All heavy atoms as atom14 arrays in JSON, in Angstrom:
{
  "sequence": "YDRFNLAKEPNEPNRFGWIVEVDVNDPTSTPRKRTAMGRF",
  "atom14_mask": [
    [1, 1, 1, 1, 1, 1, 1, 1, 1, 1, 1, 1, 0, 0],
    [1, 1, 1, 1, 1, 1, 1, 1, 0, 0, 0, 0, 0, 0],
    [1, 1, 1, 1, 1, 1, 1, 1, 1, 1, 1, 0, 0, 0],
    [1, 1, 1, 1, 1, 1, 1, 1, 1, 1, 1, 0, 0, 0],
    [1, 1, 1, 1, 1, 1, 1, 1, 0, 0, 0, 0, 0, 0],
    [1, 1, 1, 1, 1, 1, 1, 1, 0, 0, 0, 0, 0, 0],
    [1, 1, 1, 1, 1, 0, 0, 0, 0, 0, 0, 0, 0, 0],
    [1, 1, 1, 1, 1, 1, 1, 1, 1, 0, 0, 0, 0, 0],
    [1, 1, 1, 1, 1, 1, 1, 1, 1, 0, 0, 0, 0, 0],
    [1, 1, 1, 1, 1, 1, 1, 0, 0, 0, 0, 0, 0, 0],
    [1, 1, 1, 1, 1, 1, 1, 1, 0, 0, 0, 0, 0, 0],
    [1, 1, 1, 1, 1, 1, 1, 1, 1, 0, 0, 0, 0, 0],
    [1, 1, 1, 1, 1, 1, 1, 0, 0, 0, 0, 0, 0, 0],
    [1, 1, 1, 1, 1, 1, 1, 1, 0, 0, 0, 0, 0, 0],
    [1, 1, 1, 1, 1, 1, 1, 1, 1, 1, 1, 0, 0, 0],
    [1, 1, 1, 1, 1, 1, 1, 1, 1, 1, 1, 0, 0, 0],
    [1, 1, 1, 1, 0, 0, 0, 0, 0, 0, 0, 0, 0, 0],
    [1, 1, 1, 1, 1, 1, 1, 1, 1, 1, 1, 1, 1, 1],
    [1, 1, 1, 1, 1, 1, 1, 1, 0, 0, 0, 0, 0, 0],
    [1, 1, 1, 1, 1, 1, 1, 0, 0, 0, 0, 0, 0, 0],
    [1, 1, 1, 1, 1, 1, 1, 1, 1, 0, 0, 0, 0, 0],
    [1, 1, 1, 1, 1, 1, 1, 0, 0, 0, 0, 0, 0, 0],
    [1, 1, 1, 1, 1, 1, 1, 1, 0, 0, 0, 0, 0, 0],
    [1, 1, 1, 1, 1, 1, 1, 0, 0, 0, 0, 0, 0, 0],
    [1, 1, 1, 1, 1, 1, 1, 1, 0, 0, 0, 0, 0, 0],
    [1, 1, 1, 1, 1, 1, 1, 1, 0, 0, 0, 0, 0, 0],
    [1, 1, 1, 1, 1, 1, 1, 0, 0, 0, 0, 0, 0, 0],
    [1, 1, 1, 1, 1, 1, 1, 0, 0, 0, 0, 0, 0, 0],
    [1, 1, 1, 1, 1, 1, 0, 0, 0, 0, 0, 0, 0, 0],
    [1, 1, 1, 1, 1, 1, 1, 0, 0, 0, 0, 0, 0, 0],
    [1, 1, 1, 1, 1, 1, 1, 0, 0, 0, 0, 0, 0, 0],
    [1, 1, 1, 1, 1, 1, 1, 1, 1, 1, 1, 0, 0, 0],
    [1, 1, 1, 1, 1, 1, 1, 1, 1, 0, 0, 0, 0, 0],
    [1, 1, 1, 1, 1, 1, 1, 1, 1, 1, 1, 0, 0, 0],
    [1, 1, 1, 1, 1, 1, 1, 0, 0, 0, 0, 0, 0, 0],
    [1, 1, 1, 1, 1, 0, 0, 0, 0, 0, 0, 0, 0, 0],
    [1, 1, 1, 1, 1, 1, 1, 1, 0, 0, 0, 0, 0, 0],
    [1, 1, 1, 1, 0, 0, 0, 0, 0, 0, 0, 0, 0, 0],
    [1, 1, 1, 1, 1, 1, 1, 1, 1, 1, 1, 0, 0, 0],
    [1, 1, 1, 1, 1, 1, 1, 1, 1, 1, 1, 0, 0, 0]
  ],
  "atom14_positions": [
    [[-18.86, 39.92, -42.43], [-19.9, 40.13, -41.4], [-20.21, 41.6, -41.29], [-19.34, 42.42, -40.95], [-19.45, 39.54, -40.07], [-19.34, 38.03, -40.1], [-18.1, 37.42, -40.33], [-20.46, 37.23, -39.97], [-18.01, 36.03, -40.42], [-20.37, 35.83, -40.01], [-19.14, 35.25, -40.26], [-19.05, 33.88, -40.34], [0.0, 0.0, 0.0], [0.0, 0.0, 0.0]],
    [[-21.46, 41.96, -41.53], [-21.86, 43.36, -41.58], [-21.6, 44.09, -40.27], [-21.34, 45.3, -40.28], [-23.37, 43.46, -41.9], [-23.68, 43.15, -43.36], [-22.71, 42.98, -44.15], [-24.85, 43.05, -43.7], [0.0, 0.0, 0.0], [0.0, 0.0, 0.0], [0.0, 0.0, 0.0], [0.0, 0.0, 0.0], [0.0, 0.0, 0.0], [0.0, 0.0, 0.0]],
    [[-21.64, 43.4, -39.17], [-21.51, 44.11, -37.89], [-20.13, 44.71, -37.69], [-19.95, 45.6, -36.83], [-21.88, 43.2, -36.71], [-20.97, 42.01, -36.47], [-21.65, 41.12, -35.42], [-20.9, 39.93, -35.09], [-20.26, 39.72, -33.95], [-20.27, 40.67, -33.02], [-19.64, 38.58, -33.71], [0.0, 0.0, 0.0], [0.0, 0.0, 0.0], [0.0, 0.0, 0.0]],
    [[-19.14, 44.27, -38.46], [-17.8, 44.86, -38.35], [-17.53, 45.86, -39.47], [-16.41, 46.32, -39.63], [-16.74, 43.75, -38.34], [-16.84, 42.87, -37.13], [-17.38, 41.58, -37.22], [-16.41, 43.3, -35.9], [-17.49, 40.78, -36.11], [-16.51, 42.51, -34.76], [-17.05, 41.24, -34.86], [0.0, 0.0, 0.0], [0.0, 0.0, 0.0], [0.0, 0.0, 0.0]],
    [[-18.57, 46.22, -40.19], [-18.48, 47.22, -41.27], [-19.24, 48.46, -40.83], [-20.46, 48.46, -40.71], [-19.09, 46.62, -42.56], [-18.92, 47.56, -43.75], [-18.81, 48.78, -43.62], [-18.93, 46.97, -44.94], [0.0, 0.0, 0.0], [0.0, 0.0, 0.0], [0.0, 0.0, 0.0], [0.0, 0.0, 0.0], [0.0, 0.0, 0.0], [0.0, 0.0, 0.0]],
    [[-18.5, 49.55, -40.59], [-19.14, 50.76, -40.07], [-20.21, 51.32, -40.99], [-21.16, 51.96, -40.53], [-18.07, 51.84, -39.83], [-16.99, 51.53, -38.79], [-16.13, 52.76, -38.57], [-17.61, 51.1, -37.48], [0.0, 0.0, 0.0], [0.0, 0.0, 0.0], [0.0, 0.0, 0.0], [0.0, 0.0, 0.0], [0.0, 0.0, 0.0], [0.0, 0.0, 0.0]],
    [[-20.06, 51.1, -42.28], [-21.05, 51.62, -43.21], [-22.4, 50.94, -43.04], [-23.44, 51.52, -43.34], [-20.56, 51.43, -44.65], [0.0, 0.0, 0.0], [0.0, 0.0, 0.0], [0.0, 0.0, 0.0], [0.0, 0.0, 0.0], [0.0, 0.0, 0.0], [0.0, 0.0, 0.0], [0.0, 0.0, 0.0], [0.0, 0.0, 0.0], [0.0, 0.0, 0.0]],
    [[-22.39, 49.73, -42.5], [-23.62, 48.96, -42.35], [-24.13, 48.93, -40.9], [-25.34, 48.85, -40.67], [-23.41, 47.55, -42.88], [-23.09, 47.54, -44.39], [-22.89, 46.14, -44.92], [-22.61, 46.17, -46.4], [-22.36, 44.8, -46.98], [0.0, 0.0, 0.0], [0.0, 0.0, 0.0], [0.0, 0.0, 0.0], [0.0, 0.0, 0.0], [0.0, 0.0, 0.0]],
    [[-23.2, 48.94, -39.94], [-23.6, 48.92, -38.52], [-22.76, 49.94, -37.77], [-21.8, 49.6, -37.08], [-23.41, 47.52, -37.93], [-24.48, 46.52, -38.3], [-25.85, 46.81, -37.68], [-26.02, 47.86, -37.02], [-26.76, 45.98, -37.85], [0.0, 0.0, 0.0], [0.0, 0.0, 0.0], [0.0, 0.0, 0.0], [0.0, 0.0, 0.0], [0.0, 0.0, 0.0]],
    [[-23.08, 51.22, -37.89], [-22.22, 52.26, -37.32], [-22.16, 52.27, -35.79], [-21.23, 52.86, -35.23], [-22.85, 53.56, -37.85], [-24.25, 53.2, -38.2], [-24.21, 51.77, -38.66], [0.0, 0.0, 0.0], [0.0, 0.0, 0.0], [0.0, 0.0, 0.0], [0.0, 0.0, 0.0], [0.0, 0.0, 0.0], [0.0, 0.0, 0.0], [0.0, 0.0, 0.0]],
    [[-23.11, 51.64, -35.11], [-23.06, 51.64, -33.64], [-22.32, 50.43, -33.05], [-22.08, 50.4, -31.85], [-24.5, 51.64, -33.07], [-25.13, 53.01, -33.12], [-24.48, 54.0, -33.43], [-26.4, 53.09, -32.77], [0.0, 0.0, 0.0], [0.0, 0.0, 0.0], [0.0, 0.0, 0.0], [0.0, 0.0, 0.0], [0.0, 0.0, 0.0], [0.0, 0.0, 0.0]],
    [[-21.95, 49.46, -33.85], [-21.38, 48.24, -33.31], [-20.13, 48.46, -32.47], [-19.96, 47.8, -31.44], [-21.08, 47.24, -34.47], [-20.62, 45.87, -34.0], [-21.72, 45.01, -33.42], [-22.91, 45.39, -33.53], [-21.41, 43.94, -32.84], [0.0, 0.0, 0.0], [0.0, 0.0, 0.0], [0.0, 0.0, 0.0], [0.0, 0.0, 0.0], [0.0, 0.0, 0.0]],
    [[-19.21, 49.37, -32.84], [-18.02, 49.54, -31.98], [-18.32, 49.96, -30.56], [-17.53, 49.66, -29.64], [-17.22, 50.62, -32.73], [-17.64, 50.48, -34.15], [-19.1, 50.14, -34.09], [0.0, 0.0, 0.0], [0.0, 0.0, 0.0], [0.0, 0.0, 0.0], [0.0, 0.0, 0.0], [0.0, 0.0, 0.0], [0.0, 0.0, 0.0], [0.0, 0.0, 0.0]],
    [[-19.47, 50.62, -30.34], [-19.82, 51.02, -28.97], [-20.17, 49.83, -28.09], [-20.3, 49.97, -26.87], [-20.99, 52.01, -29.0], [-20.58, 53.41, -29.39], [-19.42, 53.79, -29.23], [-21.51, 54.18, -29.91], [0.0, 0.0, 0.0], [0.0, 0.0, 0.0], [0.0, 0.0, 0.0], [0.0, 0.0, 0.0], [0.0, 0.0, 0.0], [0.0, 0.0, 0.0]],
    [[-20.32, 48.67, -28.68], [-20.66, 47.48, -27.94], [-19.41, 46.68, -27.52], [-19.51, 45.61, -26.93], [-21.59, 46.6, -28.8], [-22.94, 47.3, -29.04], [-23.54, 46.99, -30.41], [-23.93, 45.59, -30.58], [-25.08, 45.06, -30.18], [-25.99, 45.84, -29.58], [-25.37, 43.8, -30.4], [0.0, 0.0, 0.0], [0.0, 0.0, 0.0], [0.0, 0.0, 0.0]],
    [[-18.24, 47.26, -27.82], [-16.95, 46.64, -27.46], [-16.08, 47.67, -26.77], [-16.26, 48.87, -26.91], [-16.27, 46.09, -28.7], [-17.01, 44.95, -29.34], [-17.98, 45.19, -30.32], [-16.78, 43.64, -28.95], [-18.68, 44.14, -30.9], [-17.47, 42.59, -29.52], [-18.42, 42.83, -30.5], [0.0, 0.0, 0.0], [0.0, 0.0, 0.0], [0.0, 0.0, 0.0]],
    [[-15.1, 47.18, -26.03], [-14.23, 48.04, -25.24], [-14.61, 48.04, -23.77], [-14.24, 48.95, -23.02], [0.0, 0.0, 0.0], [0.0, 0.0, 0.0], [0.0, 0.0, 0.0], [0.0, 0.0, 0.0], [0.0, 0.0, 0.0], [0.0, 0.0, 0.0], [0.0, 0.0, 0.0], [0.0, 0.0, 0.0], [0.0, 0.0, 0.0], [0.0, 0.0, 0.0]],
    [[-15.29, 46.98, -23.33], [-15.81, 46.89, -21.97], [-15.08, 45.81, -21.16], [-14.26, 45.06, -21.7], [-17.31, 46.6, -21.99], [-18.12, 47.56, -22.8], [-18.65, 47.35, -24.04], [-18.51, 48.89, -22.43], [-19.36, 48.46, -24.47], [-19.26, 49.41, -23.51], [-18.27, 49.69, -21.31], [-19.81, 50.71, -23.47], [-18.81, 50.97, -21.27], [-19.56, 51.48, -22.34]],
    [[-15.43, 45.71, -19.9], [-15.01, 44.58, -19.05], [-16.14, 43.56, -19.08], [-17.32, 43.9, -18.88], [-14.77, 45.05, -17.6], [-13.57, 45.99, -17.54], [-14.56, 43.84, -16.69], [-12.23, 45.35, -17.87], [0.0, 0.0, 0.0], [0.0, 0.0, 0.0], [0.0, 0.0, 0.0], [0.0, 0.0, 0.0], [0.0, 0.0, 0.0], [0.0, 0.0, 0.0]],
    [[-15.78, 42.3, -19.36], [-16.74, 41.19, -19.46], [-16.61, 40.31, -18.23], [-15.51, 39.88, -17.88], [-16.49, 40.37, -20.74], [-17.55, 39.26, -20.87], [-16.47, 41.26, -21.97], [0.0, 0.0, 0.0], [0.0, 0.0, 0.0], [0.0, 0.0, 0.0], [0.0, 0.0, 0.0], [0.0, 0.0, 0.0], [0.0, 0.0, 0.0], [0.0, 0.0, 0.0]],
    [[-17.73, 40.0, -17.59], [-17.71, 39.11, -16.42], [-18.37, 37.78, -16.78], [-19.45, 37.75, -17.37], [-18.42, 39.73, -15.23], [-18.36, 38.88, -13.96], [-19.02, 39.49, -12.75], [-19.83, 40.43, -12.92], [-18.72, 39.05, -11.63], [0.0, 0.0, 0.0], [0.0, 0.0, 0.0], [0.0, 0.0, 0.0], [0.0, 0.0, 0.0], [0.0, 0.0, 0.0]],
    [[-17.71, 36.67, -16.37], [-18.19, 35.33, -16.67], [-18.33, 34.53, -15.38], [-17.39, 34.45, -14.58], [-17.21, 34.59, -17.61], [-17.78, 33.23, -17.99], [-16.9, 35.42, -18.85], [0.0, 0.0, 0.0], [0.0, 0.0, 0.0], [0.0, 0.0, 0.0], [0.0, 0.0, 0.0], [0.0, 0.0, 0.0], [0.0, 0.0, 0.0], [0.0, 0.0, 0.0]],
    [[-19.5, 33.92, -15.19], [-19.73, 33.02, -14.06], [-19.19, 31.65, -14.45], [-19.81, 30.92, -15.23], [-21.23, 32.94, -13.77], [-21.53, 32.04, -12.56], [-20.6, 31.39, -12.03], [-22.71, 31.96, -12.17], [0.0, 0.0, 0.0], [0.0, 0.0, 0.0], [0.0, 0.0, 0.0], [0.0, 0.0, 0.0], [0.0, 0.0, 0.0], [0.0, 0.0, 0.0]],
    [[-18.03, 31.28, -13.92], [-17.36, 30.05, -14.31], [-18.05, 28.81, -13.74], [-17.79, 27.68, -14.2], [-15.89, 30.04, -13.89], [-15.15, 31.18, -14.56], [-15.73, 30.12, -12.37], [0.0, 0.0, 0.0], [0.0, 0.0, 0.0], [0.0, 0.0, 0.0], [0.0, 0.0, 0.0], [0.0, 0.0, 0.0], [0.0, 0.0, 0.0], [0.0, 0.0, 0.0]],
    [[-18.89, 28.99, -12.75], [-19.57, 27.83, -12.13], [-20.77, 27.35, -12.91], [-21.36, 26.33, -12.56], [-19.97, 28.19, -10.69], [-18.77, 28.37, -9.79], [-17.89, 27.52, -9.73], [-18.71, 29.51, -9.12], [0.0, 0.0, 0.0], [0.0, 0.0, 0.0], [0.0, 0.0, 0.0], [0.0, 0.0, 0.0], [0.0, 0.0, 0.0], [0.0, 0.0, 0.0]],
    [[-21.13, 28.09, -13.96], [-22.26, 27.69, -14.8], [-21.84, 27.84, -16.25], [-21.84, 28.95, -16.81], [-23.48, 28.57, -14.52], [-24.68, 28.22, -15.39], [-24.59, 27.24, -16.16], [-25.7, 28.93, -15.29], [0.0, 0.0, 0.0], [0.0, 0.0, 0.0], [0.0, 0.0, 0.0], [0.0, 0.0, 0.0], [0.0, 0.0, 0.0], [0.0, 0.0, 0.0]],
    [[-21.46, 26.72, -16.91], [-21.0, 26.82, -18.29], [-22.08, 27.23, -19.29], [-21.78, 27.48, -20.46], [-20.5, 25.39, -18.59], [-21.19, 24.52, -17.6], [-21.42, 25.36, -16.38], [0.0, 0.0, 0.0], [0.0, 0.0, 0.0], [0.0, 0.0, 0.0], [0.0, 0.0, 0.0], [0.0, 0.0, 0.0], [0.0, 0.0, 0.0], [0.0, 0.0, 0.0]],
    [[-23.33, 27.33, -18.84], [-24.4, 27.8, -19.73], [-24.74, 29.27, -19.46], [-25.65, 29.82, -20.11], [-25.67, 26.95, -19.53], [-26.2, 27.16, -18.23], [-25.38, 25.47, -19.73], [0.0, 0.0, 0.0], [0.0, 0.0, 0.0], [0.0, 0.0, 0.0], [0.0, 0.0, 0.0], [0.0, 0.0, 0.0], [0.0, 0.0, 0.0], [0.0, 0.0, 0.0]],
    [[-24.06, 29.9, -18.52], [-24.37, 31.28, -18.16], [-24.04, 32.24, -19.29], [-23.17, 31.95, -20.14], [-23.62, 31.69, -16.89], [-22.23, 31.69, -17.14], [0.0, 0.0, 0.0], [0.0, 0.0, 0.0], [0.0, 0.0, 0.0], [0.0, 0.0, 0.0], [0.0, 0.0, 0.0], [0.0, 0.0, 0.0], [0.0, 0.0, 0.0], [0.0, 0.0, 0.0]],
    [[-24.71, 33.37, -19.34], [-24.47, 34.38, -20.34], [-23.49, 35.42, -19.78], [-23.8, 36.1, -18.8], [-25.78, 35.09, -20.74], [-26.72, 34.12, -21.2], [-25.53, 36.11, -21.84], [0.0, 0.0, 0.0], [0.0, 0.0, 0.0], [0.0, 0.0, 0.0], [0.0, 0.0, 0.0], [0.0, 0.0, 0.0], [0.0, 0.0, 0.0], [0.0, 0.0, 0.0]],
    [[-22.32, 35.57, -20.39], [-21.37, 36.59, -19.93], [-22.01, 37.99, -20.03], [-22.84, 38.25, -20.88], [-20.19, 36.44, -20.89], [-20.29, 35.03, -21.39], [-21.75, 34.75, -21.48], [0.0, 0.0, 0.0], [0.0, 0.0, 0.0], [0.0, 0.0, 0.0], [0.0, 0.0, 0.0], [0.0, 0.0, 0.0], [0.0, 0.0, 0.0], [0.0, 0.0, 0.0]],
    [[-21.55, 38.88, -19.14], [-22.14, 40.19, -19.07], [-21.04, 41.26, -19.25], [-20.01, 41.21, -18.58], [-22.87, 40.41, -17.75], [-23.89, 39.32, -17.47], [-24.65, 39.56, -16.18], [-25.67, 40.61, -16.3], [-26.88, 40.42, -16.79], [-27.26, 39.22, -17.22], [-27.73, 41.41, -16.86], [0.0, 0.0, 0.0], [0.0, 0.0, 0.0], [0.0, 0.0, 0.0]],
    [[-21.29, 42.21, -20.15], [-20.38, 43.33, -20.33], [-20.8, 44.43, -19.35], [-21.88, 45.02, -19.46], [-20.41, 43.83, -21.77], [-19.91, 42.8, -22.78], [-19.56, 43.39, -24.12], [-18.99, 42.31, -25.04], [-18.45, 42.87, -26.31], [0.0, 0.0, 0.0], [0.0, 0.0, 0.0], [0.0, 0.0, 0.0], [0.0, 0.0, 0.0], [0.0, 0.0, 0.0]],
    [[-19.92, 44.68, -18.37], [-20.22, 45.55, -17.25], [-19.86, 47.01, -17.61], [-18.74, 47.46, -17.43], [-19.48, 45.11, -16.01], [-19.78, 43.67, -15.58], [-21.22, 43.49, -15.12], [-21.44, 42.18, -14.49], [-22.58, 41.79, -13.95], [-23.63, 42.6, -13.96], [-22.69, 40.6, -13.41], [0.0, 0.0, 0.0], [0.0, 0.0, 0.0], [0.0, 0.0, 0.0]],
    [[-20.84, 47.74, -18.11], [-20.56, 49.06, -18.7], [-20.24, 50.13, -17.65], [-19.66, 51.17, -18.0], [-21.74, 49.52, -19.57], [-22.91, 49.67, -18.76], [-22.01, 48.52, -20.68], [0.0, 0.0, 0.0], [0.0, 0.0, 0.0], [0.0, 0.0, 0.0], [0.0, 0.0, 0.0], [0.0, 0.0, 0.0], [0.0, 0.0, 0.0], [0.0, 0.0, 0.0]],
    [[-20.58, 49.91, -16.39], [-20.27, 50.9, -15.36], [-18.76, 51.08, -15.21], [-18.31, 52.1, -14.67], [-20.88, 50.48, -14.02], [0.0, 0.0, 0.0], [0.0, 0.0, 0.0], [0.0, 0.0, 0.0], [0.0, 0.0, 0.0], [0.0, 0.0, 0.0], [0.0, 0.0, 0.0], [0.0, 0.0, 0.0], [0.0, 0.0, 0.0], [0.0, 0.0, 0.0]],
    [[-17.97, 50.11, -15.7], [-16.51, 50.16, -15.54], [-15.82, 50.89, -16.68], [-14.59, 50.96, -16.74], [-15.98, 48.74, -15.4], [-16.58, 48.0, -14.22], [-16.0, 46.31, -14.02], [-14.39, 46.6, -13.31], [0.0, 0.0, 0.0], [0.0, 0.0, 0.0], [0.0, 0.0, 0.0], [0.0, 0.0, 0.0], [0.0, 0.0, 0.0], [0.0, 0.0, 0.0]],
    [[-16.6, 51.47, -17.59], [-16.03, 52.33, -18.61], [-15.63, 51.62, -19.88], [-15.46, 50.4, -19.91], [0.0, 0.0, 0.0], [0.0, 0.0, 0.0], [0.0, 0.0, 0.0], [0.0, 0.0, 0.0], [0.0, 0.0, 0.0], [0.0, 0.0, 0.0], [0.0, 0.0, 0.0], [0.0, 0.0, 0.0], [0.0, 0.0, 0.0], [0.0, 0.0, 0.0]],
    [[-15.51, 52.42, -20.94], [-15.16, 51.88, -22.26], [-13.88, 52.55, -22.75], [-13.82, 53.77, -22.95], [-16.31, 52.14, -23.24], [-16.0, 51.74, -24.68], [-17.23, 51.93, -25.57], [-16.9, 51.78, -26.98], [-16.55, 52.8, -27.78], [-16.53, 54.03, -27.28], [-16.24, 52.59, -29.05], [0.0, 0.0, 0.0], [0.0, 0.0, 0.0], [0.0, 0.0, 0.0]],
    [[-12.84, 51.75, -22.9], [-11.57, 52.21, -23.46], [-10.78, 50.97, -23.82], [-11.35, 49.88, -23.9], [-10.82, 53.15, -22.48], [-10.76, 52.68, -21.05], [-9.76, 51.84, -20.58], [-11.71, 53.12, -20.13], [-9.7, 51.44, -19.25], [-11.67, 52.72, -18.78], [-10.66, 51.86, -18.36], [0.0, 0.0, 0.0], [0.0, 0.0, 0.0], [0.0, 0.0, 0.0]]
  ]
}
């Protein structure tokens, strides 16, 4: 998968390392990566 290859998608790692929030009351909801909480 190209997205895990830095030579092909160099920005992809910046999209991980976040806190993800999930609305459990709606199994069709889209989880949200809450970037205000920092990346580490």
